[in-house]
Amino acid sequence: MKIAVVGPGAVGSYYGAKLCRDGHEVHFLLRSDYEQVRRHGVRILSPEGDFNVRPKCARTSSEIGPCDLVLISIKSTANEALKQILPPLVSEETAVLTLQNGLGNEEFISGIVSSGQILGGLCFVCLNRIAPGVIQHLAHGKIEMGEFAGWPEPRTHDIASAFRRAGIPCVVRDNLEKAHWEKLVWNIPFNGLGVASCAGFEAVRTGVFAGRKGECLTTDELLANPNWFGLLETLMHEVIAAGNAFGLGIPEQLAQDHIDKTRIMGAYKPSTLVDFERNQPVELDAIFFEPLRRAESKGVPVPQLRALCSVLAALNSDSPA
């Protein structure tokens, strides 16, 4: 396949590099890392084995042209840019797979390309961009994908097969909405509490912000502290209840499954925390505020999620970025 990676940060670079290594024609749409990647390629450091690939590099999507598959891994805060980026990459035959976190991304993209061309993907992977063109993969790596506008098409299974051949665990989901809410059971507590923890436990518990009190906590620190662990579990079960208000049938056991998988990550900083500490835009709306709006639209009581959102909003306003 001819594949374009839009937003080759940690996630896009990792999966794009694996597809490139497997022989696909992979194009990275780059900004700040253009010269580094053009000269030296992309290096993946992983317990599964280090490797280096040289994808094709471009500064504009018009240099790439129409593709068989477009992987979108930019932050949802930059979605407006897709209005200019996507059209040169998309023909009637192109599949557009967004690997973004949160809710509402597929709906936004459907205003740019046909909804029948859109797929959503959920990445369960632990990695960081540690230098331009260098990605540290720590654990996991599975992608779950589904169609935005209906049941999985044959092309969905073809893409999943190509991912698996490239060494990417991949499954096709019949219900993309359910997959999104299941991912939020992890994203909301671990990303959200990681950032909000710098405001102090009482602030996050009550939603009353009184300024930053300390350092942000990594996943292992949240799991080790009984107070933070209690909030984490509460948030997980609120999100499950919210998703189930839409008839999704998410099992309560999923909370414990996510906790067990997170314990092996060690001192991990989720992407939202990394962005916050770098004073970069934080994906508040897609990951936190939109789920809150949808939960409350169904009358689901989510007091801890609302308190978390209040602190995150205050911290975002307090940020020097």
C-alpha atoms as a PDB file:
ATOM      1  CA  MET A   1       0.000   0.000   0.000  1.00  0.00           C
ATOM      2  CA  LYS A   2       0.877   3.643  -0.395  1.00  0.00           C
ATOM      3  CA  ILE A   3       0.439   5.062   3.101  1.00  0.00           C
ATOM      4  CA  ALA A   4       0.609   8.618   4.448  1.00  0.00           C
ATOM      5  CA  VAL A   5       1.251   9.232   8.148  1.00  0.00           C
ATOM      6  CA  VAL A   6      -0.215  12.563   9.247  1.00  0.00           C
ATOM      7  CA  GLY A   7       1.340  13.518  12.570  1.00  0.00           C
ATOM      8  CA  PRO A   8       4.349  11.212  12.919  1.00  0.00           C
ATOM      9  CA  GLY A   9       4.979  11.757  16.617  1.00  0.00           C
ATOM     10  CA  ALA A  10       5.390   8.774  18.920  1.00  0.00           C
ATOM     11  CA  VAL A  11       2.293   6.863  17.772  1.00  0.00           C
ATOM     12  CA  GLY A  12       2.450   7.694  14.060  1.00  0.00           C
ATOM     13  CA  SER A  13       6.185   7.093  13.834  1.00  0.00           C
ATOM     14  CA  TYR A  14       6.008   3.725  15.594  1.00  0.00           C
ATOM     15  CA  TYR A  15       3.239   2.247  13.485  1.00  0.00           C
ATOM     16  CA  GLY A  16       4.446   3.945  10.307  1.00  0.00           C
ATOM     17  CA  ALA A  17       7.936   2.555  10.842  1.00  0.00           C
ATOM     18  CA  LYS A  18       6.611  -0.981  11.267  1.00  0.00           C
ATOM     19  CA  LEU A  19       4.599  -0.707   8.049  1.00  0.00           C
ATOM     20  CA  CYS A  20       7.624   0.743   6.263  1.00  0.00           C
ATOM     21  CA  ARG A  21       9.824  -2.106   7.474  1.00  0.00           C
ATOM     22  CA  ASP A  22       7.287  -4.550   6.019  1.00  0.00           C
ATOM     23  CA  GLY A  23       7.734  -3.069   2.538  1.00  0.00           C
ATOM     24  CA  HIS A  24       4.879  -0.601   2.197  1.00  0.00           C
ATOM     25  CA  GLU A  25       5.466   2.786   0.556  1.00  0.00           C
ATOM     26  CA  VAL A  26       5.173   4.975   3.640  1.00  0.00           C
ATOM     27  CA  HIS A  27       5.238   8.784   3.509  1.00  0.00           C
ATOM     28  CA  PHE A  28       5.713  10.873   6.656  1.00  0.00           C
ATOM     29  CA  LEU A  29       4.189  14.355   6.614  1.00  0.00           C
ATOM     30  CA  LEU A  30       6.699  16.238   8.765  1.00  0.00           C
ATOM     31  CA  ARG A  31       7.354  19.681  10.172  1.00  0.00           C
ATOM     32  CA  SER A  32      10.091  20.151  12.790  1.00  0.00           C
ATOM     33  CA  ASP A  33      11.599  16.666  12.346  1.00  0.00           C
ATOM     34  CA  TYR A  34      11.788  16.832   8.532  1.00  0.00           C
ATOM     35  CA  GLU A  35      15.568  17.205   8.139  1.00  0.00           C
ATOM     36  CA  GLN A  36      16.396  14.662  10.837  1.00  0.00           C
ATOM     37  CA  VAL A  37      14.097  11.978   9.443  1.00  0.00           C
ATOM     38  CA  ARG A  38      15.060  12.692   5.813  1.00  0.00           C
ATOM     39  CA  ARG A  39      18.757  12.271   6.630  1.00  0.00           C
ATOM     40  CA  HIS A  40      18.696   9.525   9.241  1.00  0.00           C
ATOM     41  CA  GLY A  41      15.282   7.879   9.057  1.00  0.00           C
ATOM     42  CA  VAL A  42      13.225   6.760  12.051  1.00  0.00           C
ATOM     43  CA  ARG A  43      14.747   4.674  14.842  1.00  0.00           C
ATOM     44  CA  ILE A  44      12.576   2.485  17.057  1.00  0.00           C
ATOM     45  CA  LEU A  45      14.020   1.338  20.385  1.00  0.00           C
ATOM     46  CA  SER A  46      11.989  -1.583  21.668  1.00  0.00           C
ATOM     47  CA  PRO A  47      12.246  -4.660  23.899  1.00  0.00           C
ATOM     48  CA  GLU A  48      10.996  -6.507  20.801  1.00  0.00           C
ATOM     49  CA  GLY A  49      14.148  -5.420  18.934  1.00  0.00           C
ATOM     50  CA  ASP A  50      15.541  -2.072  17.744  1.00  0.00           C
ATOM     51  CA  PHE A  51      15.307  -1.129  14.083  1.00  0.00           C
ATOM     52  CA  ASN A  52      15.721   1.794  11.704  1.00  0.00           C
ATOM     53  CA  VAL A  53      13.693   2.626   8.580  1.00  0.00           C
ATOM     54  CA  ARG A  54      13.738   5.379   5.991  1.00  0.00           C
ATOM     55  CA  PRO A  55      10.221   6.474   5.061  1.00  0.00           C
ATOM     56  CA  LYS A  56       9.649   9.001   2.300  1.00  0.00           C
ATOM     57  CA  CYS A  57       9.480  12.530   3.747  1.00  0.00           C
ATOM     58  CA  ALA A  58       7.301  15.468   2.763  1.00  0.00           C
ATOM     59  CA  ARG A  59       6.509  18.903   4.125  1.00  0.00           C
ATOM     60  CA  THR A  60       3.102  19.193   2.411  1.00  0.00           C
ATOM     61  CA  SER A  61       0.412  16.650   1.577  1.00  0.00           C
ATOM     62  CA  SER A  62       0.383  17.766  -2.062  1.00  0.00           C
ATOM     63  CA  GLU A  63       3.938  16.372  -2.352  1.00  0.00           C
ATOM     64  CA  ILE A  64       2.573  12.948  -1.390  1.00  0.00           C
ATOM     65  CA  GLY A  65      -0.639  12.812  -3.416  1.00  0.00           C
ATOM     66  CA  PRO A  66      -3.498  10.297  -3.156  1.00  0.00           C
ATOM     67  CA  CYS A  67      -2.841   7.229  -1.001  1.00  0.00           C
ATOM     68  CA  ASP A  68      -4.408   3.863  -0.323  1.00  0.00           C
ATOM     69  CA  LEU A  69      -4.366   4.540   3.427  1.00  0.00           C
ATOM     70  CA  VAL A  70      -3.993   7.700   5.502  1.00  0.00           C
ATOM     71  CA  LEU A  71      -3.052   7.272   9.167  1.00  0.00           C
ATOM     72  CA  ILE A  72      -3.987  10.288  11.296  1.00  0.00           C
ATOM     73  CA  SER A  73      -2.096  10.564  14.580  1.00  0.00           C
ATOM     74  CA  ILE A  74      -2.075  14.318  15.206  1.00  0.00           C
ATOM     75  CA  LYS A  75      -3.492  15.593  18.479  1.00  0.00           C
ATOM     76  CA  SER A  76      -7.203  16.370  18.296  1.00  0.00           C
ATOM     77  CA  THR A  77      -6.348  19.971  19.250  1.00  0.00           C
ATOM     78  CA  ALA A  78      -4.919  20.331  15.711  1.00  0.00           C
ATOM     79  CA  ASN A  79      -7.921  18.904  13.852  1.00  0.00           C
ATOM     80  CA  GLU A  80      -8.647  22.152  12.009  1.00  0.00           C
ATOM     81  CA  ALA A  81      -5.431  21.630  10.019  1.00  0.00           C
ATOM     82  CA  LEU A  82      -6.914  18.452   8.527  1.00  0.00           C
ATOM     83  CA  LYS A  83      -9.174  20.583   6.338  1.00  0.00           C
ATOM     84  CA  GLN A  84      -6.106  21.553   4.309  1.00  0.00           C
ATOM     85  CA  ILE A  85      -4.051  18.396   4.833  1.00  0.00           C
ATOM     86  CA  LEU A  86      -6.467  15.638   3.850  1.00  0.00           C
ATOM     87  CA  PRO A  87      -7.889  16.557   0.402  1.00  0.00           C
ATOM     88  CA  PRO A  88      -4.601  16.084  -1.554  1.00  0.00           C
ATOM     89  CA  LEU A  89      -4.113  12.672   0.113  1.00  0.00           C
ATOM     90  CA  VAL A  90      -7.580  11.275  -0.518  1.00  0.00           C
ATOM     91  CA  SER A  91      -9.160   9.758  -3.615  1.00  0.00           C
ATOM     92  CA  GLU A  92     -12.451   7.851  -3.782  1.00  0.00           C
ATOM     93  CA  GLU A  93     -10.535   4.663  -2.965  1.00  0.00           C
ATOM     94  CA  THR A  94      -8.596   5.978   0.051  1.00  0.00           C
ATOM     95  CA  ALA A  95      -9.228   4.646   3.553  1.00  0.00           C
ATOM     96  CA  VAL A  96      -8.695   7.209   6.318  1.00  0.00           C
ATOM     97  CA  LEU A  97      -7.823   5.686   9.699  1.00  0.00           C
ATOM     98  CA  THR A  98      -7.664   8.024  12.681  1.00  0.00           C
ATOM     99  CA  LEU A  99      -5.615   6.801  15.638  1.00  0.00           C
ATOM    100  CA  GLN A 100      -6.593   9.789  17.804  1.00  0.00           C
ATOM    101  CA  ASN A 101      -7.801   9.580  21.385  1.00  0.00           C
ATOM    102  CA  GLY A 102     -11.231  10.542  22.607  1.00  0.00           C
ATOM    103  CA  LEU A 103     -14.652  11.152  21.080  1.00  0.00           C
ATOM    104  CA  GLY A 104     -15.721  13.222  18.079  1.00  0.00           C
ATOM    105  CA  ASN A 105     -12.697  12.854  15.801  1.00  0.00           C
ATOM    106  CA  GLU A 106     -14.391  10.669  13.197  1.00  0.00           C
ATOM    107  CA  GLU A 107     -17.342  13.060  13.169  1.00  0.00           C
ATOM    108  CA  PHE A 108     -14.999  15.975  12.477  1.00  0.00           C
ATOM    109  CA  ILE A 109     -13.208  14.138   9.670  1.00  0.00           C
ATOM    110  CA  SER A 110     -16.568  13.238   8.078  1.00  0.00           C
ATOM    111  CA  GLY A 111     -16.910  16.940   7.288  1.00  0.00           C
ATOM    112  CA  ILE A 112     -13.808  16.648   5.076  1.00  0.00           C
ATOM    113  CA  VAL A 113     -14.040  13.204   3.439  1.00  0.00           C
ATOM    114  CA  SER A 114     -16.871  10.738   2.885  1.00  0.00           C
ATOM    115  CA  SER A 115     -17.980   9.030   6.089  1.00  0.00           C
ATOM    116  CA  GLY A 116     -17.790   5.678   4.313  1.00  0.00           C
ATOM    117  CA  GLN A 117     -14.033   6.094   3.923  1.00  0.00           C
ATOM    118  CA  ILE A 118     -13.381   6.684   7.643  1.00  0.00           C
ATOM    119  CA  LEU A 119     -12.154   4.143  10.167  1.00  0.00           C
ATOM    120  CA  GLY A 120     -11.293   4.662  13.807  1.00  0.00           C
ATOM    121  CA  GLY A 121      -8.409   2.965  15.569  1.00  0.00           C
ATOM    122  CA  LEU A 122      -7.628   2.622  19.282  1.00  0.00           C
ATOM    123  CA  CYS A 123      -3.948   2.188  20.158  1.00  0.00           C
ATOM    124  CA  PHE A 124      -3.036   0.274  23.300  1.00  0.00           C
ATOM    125  CA  VAL A 125       0.663   1.050  23.418  1.00  0.00           C
ATOM    126  CA  CYS A 126       3.230   2.497  25.802  1.00  0.00           C
ATOM    127  CA  LEU A 127       5.836   4.653  24.042  1.00  0.00           C
ATOM    128  CA  ASN A 128       7.466   8.086  23.927  1.00  0.00           C
ATOM    129  CA  ARG A 129       9.270  10.249  21.386  1.00  0.00           C
ATOM    130  CA  ILE A 130      12.632  10.777  23.083  1.00  0.00           C
ATOM    131  CA  ALA A 131      14.367  12.724  20.292  1.00  0.00           C
ATOM    132  CA  PRO A 132      13.607  13.812  16.720  1.00  0.00           C
ATOM    133  CA  GLY A 133      13.063  10.620  14.756  1.00  0.00           C
ATOM    134  CA  VAL A 134      13.663   8.381  17.800  1.00  0.00           C
ATOM    135  CA  ILE A 135      10.817   6.487  19.487  1.00  0.00           C
ATOM    136  CA  GLN A 136      11.142   4.476  22.696  1.00  0.00           C
ATOM    137  CA  HIS A 137       8.644   1.604  22.742  1.00  0.00           C
ATOM    138  CA  LEU A 138       8.125   0.259  26.262  1.00  0.00           C
ATOM    139  CA  ALA A 139       5.193  -2.161  26.141  1.00  0.00           C
ATOM    140  CA  HIS A 140       2.064  -3.310  24.326  1.00  0.00           C
ATOM    141  CA  GLY A 141       1.154  -2.143  20.799  1.00  0.00           C
ATOM    142  CA  LYS A 142      -2.254  -3.539  19.844  1.00  0.00           C
ATOM    143  CA  ILE A 143      -4.629  -1.606  17.591  1.00  0.00           C
ATOM    144  CA  GLU A 144      -8.386  -2.149  17.597  1.00  0.00           C
ATOM    145  CA  MET A 145     -10.140  -0.675  14.560  1.00  0.00           C
ATOM    146  CA  GLY A 146     -13.645  -0.337  13.214  1.00  0.00           C
ATOM    147  CA  GLU A 147     -15.747   1.453  10.631  1.00  0.00           C
ATOM    148  CA  PHE A 148     -17.155   4.862  11.482  1.00  0.00           C
ATOM    149  CA  ALA A 149     -20.274   4.529   9.337  1.00  0.00           C
ATOM    150  CA  GLY A 150     -21.286   0.900   9.746  1.00  0.00           C
ATOM    151  CA  TRP A 151     -20.158  -2.715   9.924  1.00  0.00           C
ATOM    152  CA  PRO A 152     -16.580  -3.647   8.987  1.00  0.00           C
ATOM    153  CA  GLU A 153     -15.979  -3.758   5.244  1.00  0.00           C
ATOM    154  CA  PRO A 154     -13.634  -6.254   3.525  1.00  0.00           C
ATOM    155  CA  ARG A 155     -11.073  -3.437   3.235  1.00  0.00           C
ATOM    156  CA  THR A 156     -11.116  -3.103   7.031  1.00  0.00           C
ATOM    157  CA  HIS A 157     -10.039  -6.723   7.405  1.00  0.00           C
ATOM    158  CA  ASP A 158      -7.459  -6.261   4.647  1.00  0.00           C
ATOM    159  CA  ILE A 159      -5.882  -3.328   6.509  1.00  0.00           C
ATOM    160  CA  ALA A 160      -5.918  -5.269   9.771  1.00  0.00           C
ATOM    161  CA  SER A 161      -4.187  -8.174   8.018  1.00  0.00           C
ATOM    162  CA  ALA A 162      -1.527  -5.828   6.648  1.00  0.00           C
ATOM    163  CA  PHE A 163      -0.936  -4.488  10.155  1.00  0.00           C
ATOM    164  CA  ARG A 164      -0.577  -7.986  11.567  1.00  0.00           C
ATOM    165  CA  ARG A 165       1.897  -8.931   8.832  1.00  0.00           C
ATOM    166  CA  ALA A 166       3.921  -5.877   9.866  1.00  0.00           C
ATOM    167  CA  GLY A 167       4.088  -7.142  13.450  1.00  0.00           C
ATOM    168  CA  ILE A 168       1.272  -4.969  14.795  1.00  0.00           C
ATOM    169  CA  PRO A 169      -1.352  -6.886  16.808  1.00  0.00           C
ATOM    170  CA  CYS A 170      -4.659  -5.779  15.307  1.00  0.00           C
ATOM    171  CA  VAL A 171      -8.297  -6.749  15.714  1.00  0.00           C
ATOM    172  CA  VAL A 172     -11.426  -5.515  13.950  1.00  0.00           C
ATOM    173  CA  ARG A 173     -14.279  -4.321  16.149  1.00  0.00           C
ATOM    174  CA  ASP A 174     -17.921  -4.427  15.072  1.00  0.00           C
ATOM    175  CA  ASN A 175     -18.817  -1.480  17.303  1.00  0.00           C
ATOM    176  CA  LEU A 176     -16.384   1.446  17.129  1.00  0.00           C
ATOM    177  CA  GLU A 177     -18.322   3.500  19.690  1.00  0.00           C
ATOM    178  CA  LYS A 178     -17.947   0.741  22.272  1.00  0.00           C
ATOM    179  CA  ALA A 179     -14.223   0.501  21.535  1.00  0.00           C
ATOM    180  CA  HIS A 180     -13.859   4.256  22.103  1.00  0.00           C
ATOM    181  CA  TRP A 181     -15.592   4.157  25.485  1.00  0.00           C
ATOM    182  CA  GLU A 182     -13.532   1.149  26.556  1.00  0.00           C
ATOM    183  CA  LYS A 183     -10.347   3.074  25.754  1.00  0.00           C
ATOM    184  CA  LEU A 184     -11.674   6.055  27.732  1.00  0.00           C
ATOM    185  CA  VAL A 185     -11.909   3.789  30.790  1.00  0.00           C
ATOM    186  CA  TRP A 186      -8.090   3.975  30.718  1.00  0.00           C
ATOM    187  CA  ASN A 187      -7.497   7.397  29.179  1.00  0.00           C
ATOM    188  CA  ILE A 188      -9.688   9.484  31.463  1.00  0.00           C
ATOM    189  CA  PRO A 189      -8.260   8.307  34.817  1.00  0.00           C
ATOM    190  CA  PHE A 190      -4.614   7.807  33.876  1.00  0.00           C
ATOM    191  CA  ASN A 191      -4.198  10.804  31.555  1.00  0.00           C
ATOM    192  CA  GLY A 192      -6.475  13.010  33.620  1.00  0.00           C
ATOM    193  CA  LEU A 193      -5.173  12.222  37.095  1.00  0.00           C
ATOM    194  CA  GLY A 194      -1.601  12.309  35.832  1.00  0.00           C
ATOM    195  CA  VAL A 195      -2.061  15.969  34.940  1.00  0.00           C
ATOM    196  CA  ALA A 196      -4.479  16.987  37.702  1.00  0.00           C
ATOM    197  CA  SER A 197      -2.374  15.405  40.459  1.00  0.00           C
ATOM    198  CA  CYS A 198      -0.159  18.502  40.516  1.00  0.00           C
ATOM    199  CA  ALA A 199      -3.152  20.384  41.957  1.00  0.00           C
ATOM    200  CA  GLY A 200      -3.306  18.043  44.967  1.00  0.00           C
ATOM    201  CA  PHE A 201      -5.623  15.237  45.991  1.00  0.00           C
ATOM    202  CA  GLU A 202      -8.332  17.361  47.671  1.00  0.00           C
ATOM    203  CA  ALA A 203      -8.597  19.646  44.635  1.00  0.00           C
ATOM    204  CA  VAL A 204      -9.179  16.713  42.311  1.00  0.00           C
ATOM    205  CA  ARG A 205     -11.575  14.996  44.705  1.00  0.00           C
ATOM    206  CA  THR A 206     -13.732  18.101  45.137  1.00  0.00           C
ATOM    207  CA  GLY A 207     -13.137  19.952  41.868  1.00  0.00           C
ATOM    208  CA  VAL A 208     -12.021  23.094  43.753  1.00  0.00           C
ATOM    209  CA  PHE A 209      -8.772  24.356  42.240  1.00  0.00           C
ATOM    210  CA  ALA A 210      -6.373  26.341  44.444  1.00  0.00           C
ATOM    211  CA  GLY A 211      -3.239  26.375  42.319  1.00  0.00           C
ATOM    212  CA  ARG A 212      -0.496  23.865  41.678  1.00  0.00           C
ATOM    213  CA  LYS A 213       0.707  22.050  44.794  1.00  0.00           C
ATOM    214  CA  GLY A 214       3.393  19.664  43.546  1.00  0.00           C
ATOM    215  CA  GLU A 215       4.712  17.461  40.784  1.00  0.00           C
ATOM    216  CA  CYS A 216       2.536  15.433  38.445  1.00  0.00           C
ATOM    217  CA  LEU A 217       2.309  11.706  39.146  1.00  0.00           C
ATOM    218  CA  THR A 218       3.222   8.857  36.802  1.00  0.00           C
ATOM    219  CA  THR A 219       1.038   5.772  36.378  1.00  0.00           C
ATOM    220  CA  ASP A 220       2.918   3.704  38.950  1.00  0.00           C
ATOM    221  CA  GLU A 221       2.610   6.477  41.546  1.00  0.00           C
ATOM    222  CA  LEU A 222      -1.148   6.734  40.986  1.00  0.00           C
ATOM    223  CA  LEU A 223      -1.482   2.981  41.444  1.00  0.00           C
ATOM    224  CA  ALA A 224       0.700   2.887  44.561  1.00  0.00           C
ATOM    225  CA  ASN A 225      -1.091   5.658  46.495  1.00  0.00           C
ATOM    226  CA  PRO A 226      -4.388   4.489  48.108  1.00  0.00           C
ATOM    227  CA  ASN A 227      -6.059   7.902  47.792  1.00  0.00           C
ATOM    228  CA  TRP A 228      -5.234   8.376  44.111  1.00  0.00           C
ATOM    229  CA  PHE A 229      -6.006   4.725  43.384  1.00  0.00           C
ATOM    230  CA  GLY A 230      -9.462   5.224  44.893  1.00  0.00           C
ATOM    231  CA  LEU A 231     -10.163   8.177  42.594  1.00  0.00           C
ATOM    232  CA  LEU A 232      -8.807   6.204  39.669  1.00  0.00           C
ATOM    233  CA  GLU A 233     -11.203   3.305  40.304  1.00  0.00           C
ATOM    234  CA  THR A 234     -14.130   5.681  40.809  1.00  0.00           C
ATOM    235  CA  LEU A 235     -13.446   7.389  37.492  1.00  0.00           C
ATOM    236  CA  MET A 236     -13.159   4.068  35.693  1.00  0.00           C
ATOM    237  CA  HIS A 237     -16.558   2.915  36.910  1.00  0.00           C
ATOM    238  CA  GLU A 238     -18.178   6.273  36.114  1.00  0.00           C
ATOM    239  CA  VAL A 239     -16.912   6.000  32.541  1.00  0.00           C
ATOM    240  CA  ILE A 240     -18.183   2.426  32.258  1.00  0.00           C
ATOM    241  CA  ALA A 241     -21.606   3.565  33.498  1.00  0.00           C
ATOM    242  CA  ALA A 242     -21.628   6.418  30.988  1.00  0.00           C
ATOM    243  CA  GLY A 243     -20.770   4.133  28.098  1.00  0.00           C
ATOM    244  CA  ASN A 244     -23.390   1.618  29.151  1.00  0.00           C
ATOM    245  CA  ALA A 245     -26.040   4.338  29.135  1.00  0.00           C
ATOM    246  CA  PHE A 246     -25.619   4.162  25.346  1.00  0.00           C
ATOM    247  CA  GLY A 247     -26.341   0.428  25.406  1.00  0.00           C
ATOM    248  CA  LEU A 248     -22.732  -0.655  24.881  1.00  0.00           C
ATOM    249  CA  GLY A 249     -22.515  -3.444  27.453  1.00  0.00           C
ATOM    250  CA  ILE A 250     -19.049  -2.642  28.828  1.00  0.00           C
ATOM    251  CA  PRO A 251     -18.177  -5.109  31.616  1.00  0.00           C
ATOM    252  CA  GLU A 252     -17.146  -3.792  35.030  1.00  0.00           C
ATOM    253  CA  GLN A 253     -14.190  -6.195  34.905  1.00  0.00           C
ATOM    254  CA  LEU A 254     -12.593  -3.962  32.254  1.00  0.00           C
ATOM    255  CA  ALA A 255     -11.456  -1.579  35.008  1.00  0.00           C
ATOM    256  CA  GLN A 256      -9.367  -4.290  36.683  1.00  0.00           C
ATOM    257  CA  ASP A 257      -8.055  -5.489  33.328  1.00  0.00           C
ATOM    258  CA  HIS A 258      -6.773  -1.974  32.537  1.00  0.00           C
ATOM    259  CA  ILE A 259      -5.180  -1.692  35.982  1.00  0.00           C
ATOM    260  CA  ASP A 260      -3.385  -5.026  35.576  1.00  0.00           C
ATOM    261  CA  LYS A 261      -1.999  -4.045  32.161  1.00  0.00           C
ATOM    262  CA  THR A 262      -0.849  -0.665  33.471  1.00  0.00           C
ATOM    263  CA  ARG A 263       1.162  -2.129  36.331  1.00  0.00           C
ATOM    264  CA  ILE A 264       3.708  -3.577  33.889  1.00  0.00           C
ATOM    265  CA  MET A 265       4.347  -0.148  32.327  1.00  0.00           C
ATOM    266  CA  GLY A 266       6.351   1.092  35.302  1.00  0.00           C
ATOM    267  CA  ALA A 267       6.792   4.860  35.745  1.00  0.00           C
ATOM    268  CA  TYR A 268       4.928   5.806  32.570  1.00  0.00           C
ATOM    269  CA  LYS A 269       3.848   9.323  31.603  1.00  0.00           C
ATOM    270  CA  PRO A 270       0.742   9.248  29.376  1.00  0.00           C
ATOM    271  CA  SER A 271       0.644  11.507  26.340  1.00  0.00           C
ATOM    272  CA  THR A 272      -1.605  14.124  27.966  1.00  0.00           C
ATOM    273  CA  LEU A 273       0.839  14.496  30.849  1.00  0.00           C
ATOM    274  CA  VAL A 274       3.786  14.778  28.447  1.00  0.00           C
ATOM    275  CA  ASP A 275       1.989  17.547  26.529  1.00  0.00           C
ATOM    276  CA  PHE A 276       1.098  19.367  29.748  1.00  0.00           C
ATOM    277  CA  GLU A 277       4.655  19.299  31.083  1.00  0.00           C
ATOM    278  CA  ARG A 278       5.938  20.617  27.766  1.00  0.00           C
ATOM    279  CA  ASN A 279       3.366  23.445  27.825  1.00  0.00           C
ATOM    280  CA  GLN A 280       1.827  22.090  24.621  1.00  0.00           C
ATOM    281  CA  PRO A 281      -1.933  22.063  23.879  1.00  0.00           C
ATOM    282  CA  VAL A 282      -3.726  19.401  25.905  1.00  0.00           C
ATOM    283  CA  GLU A 283      -6.545  17.299  24.399  1.00  0.00           C
ATOM    284  CA  LEU A 284      -9.145  18.307  26.955  1.00  0.00           C
ATOM    285  CA  ASP A 285     -12.249  18.357  24.780  1.00  0.00           C
ATOM    286  CA  ALA A 286     -11.997  14.992  23.007  1.00  0.00           C
ATOM    287  CA  ILE A 287     -10.774  12.961  25.993  1.00  0.00           C
ATOM    288  CA  PHE A 288     -12.555  14.634  28.927  1.00  0.00           C
ATOM    289  CA  PHE A 289     -15.175  17.275  28.154  1.00  0.00           C
ATOM    290  CA  GLU A 290     -16.994  15.459  25.331  1.00  0.00           C
ATOM    291  CA  PRO A 291     -17.370  12.252  27.381  1.00  0.00           C
ATOM    292  CA  LEU A 292     -18.659  14.397  30.269  1.00  0.00           C
ATOM    293  CA  ARG A 293     -21.222  16.067  27.986  1.00  0.00           C
ATOM    294  CA  ARG A 294     -22.402  12.727  26.642  1.00  0.00           C
ATOM    295  CA  ALA A 295     -22.652  11.173  30.106  1.00  0.00           C
ATOM    296  CA  GLU A 296     -24.722  14.056  31.435  1.00  0.00           C
ATOM    297  CA  SER A 297     -26.922  14.038  28.323  1.00  0.00           C
ATOM    298  CA  LYS A 298     -28.005  10.555  29.447  1.00  0.00           C
ATOM    299  CA  GLY A 299     -28.489  11.624  33.056  1.00  0.00           C
ATOM    300  CA  VAL A 300     -25.602   9.487  34.308  1.00  0.00           C
ATOM    301  CA  PRO A 301     -24.156  10.792  37.600  1.00  0.00           C
ATOM    302  CA  VAL A 302     -20.417  11.318  37.066  1.00  0.00           C
ATOM    303  CA  PRO A 303     -19.403  13.652  39.921  1.00  0.00           C
ATOM    304  CA  GLN A 304     -15.738  12.622  39.951  1.00  0.00           C
ATOM    305  CA  LEU A 305     -15.421  13.120  36.200  1.00  0.00           C
ATOM    306  CA  ARG A 306     -16.970  16.573  36.527  1.00  0.00           C
ATOM    307  CA  ALA A 307     -14.568  17.444  39.376  1.00  0.00           C
ATOM    308  CA  LEU A 308     -11.617  16.228  37.300  1.00  0.00           C
ATOM    309  CA  CYS A 309     -12.727  18.297  34.312  1.00  0.00           C
ATOM    310  CA  SER A 310     -13.003  21.410  36.511  1.00  0.00           C
ATOM    311  CA  VAL A 311      -9.414  21.013  37.709  1.00  0.00           C
ATOM    312  CA  LEU A 312      -8.091  20.258  34.218  1.00  0.00           C
ATOM    313  CA  ALA A 313      -9.827  23.348  32.839  1.00  0.00           C
ATOM    314  CA  ALA A 314      -8.339  25.467  35.632  1.00  0.00           C
ATOM    315  CA  LEU A 315      -4.861  24.038  35.093  1.00  0.00           C
ATOM    316  CA  ASN A 316      -5.130  24.666  31.364  1.00  0.00           C
ATOM    317  CA  SER A 317      -6.072  28.304  32.019  1.00  0.00           C
ATOM    318  CA  ASP A 318      -3.214  28.548  34.526  1.00  0.00           C
ATOM    319  CA  SER A 319      -0.685  27.152  32.023  1.00  0.00           C
ATOM    320  CA  PRO A 320       1.879  29.559  30.545  1.00  0.00           C
ATOM    321  CA  ALA A 321       1.378  27.997  27.088  1.00  0.00           C
END
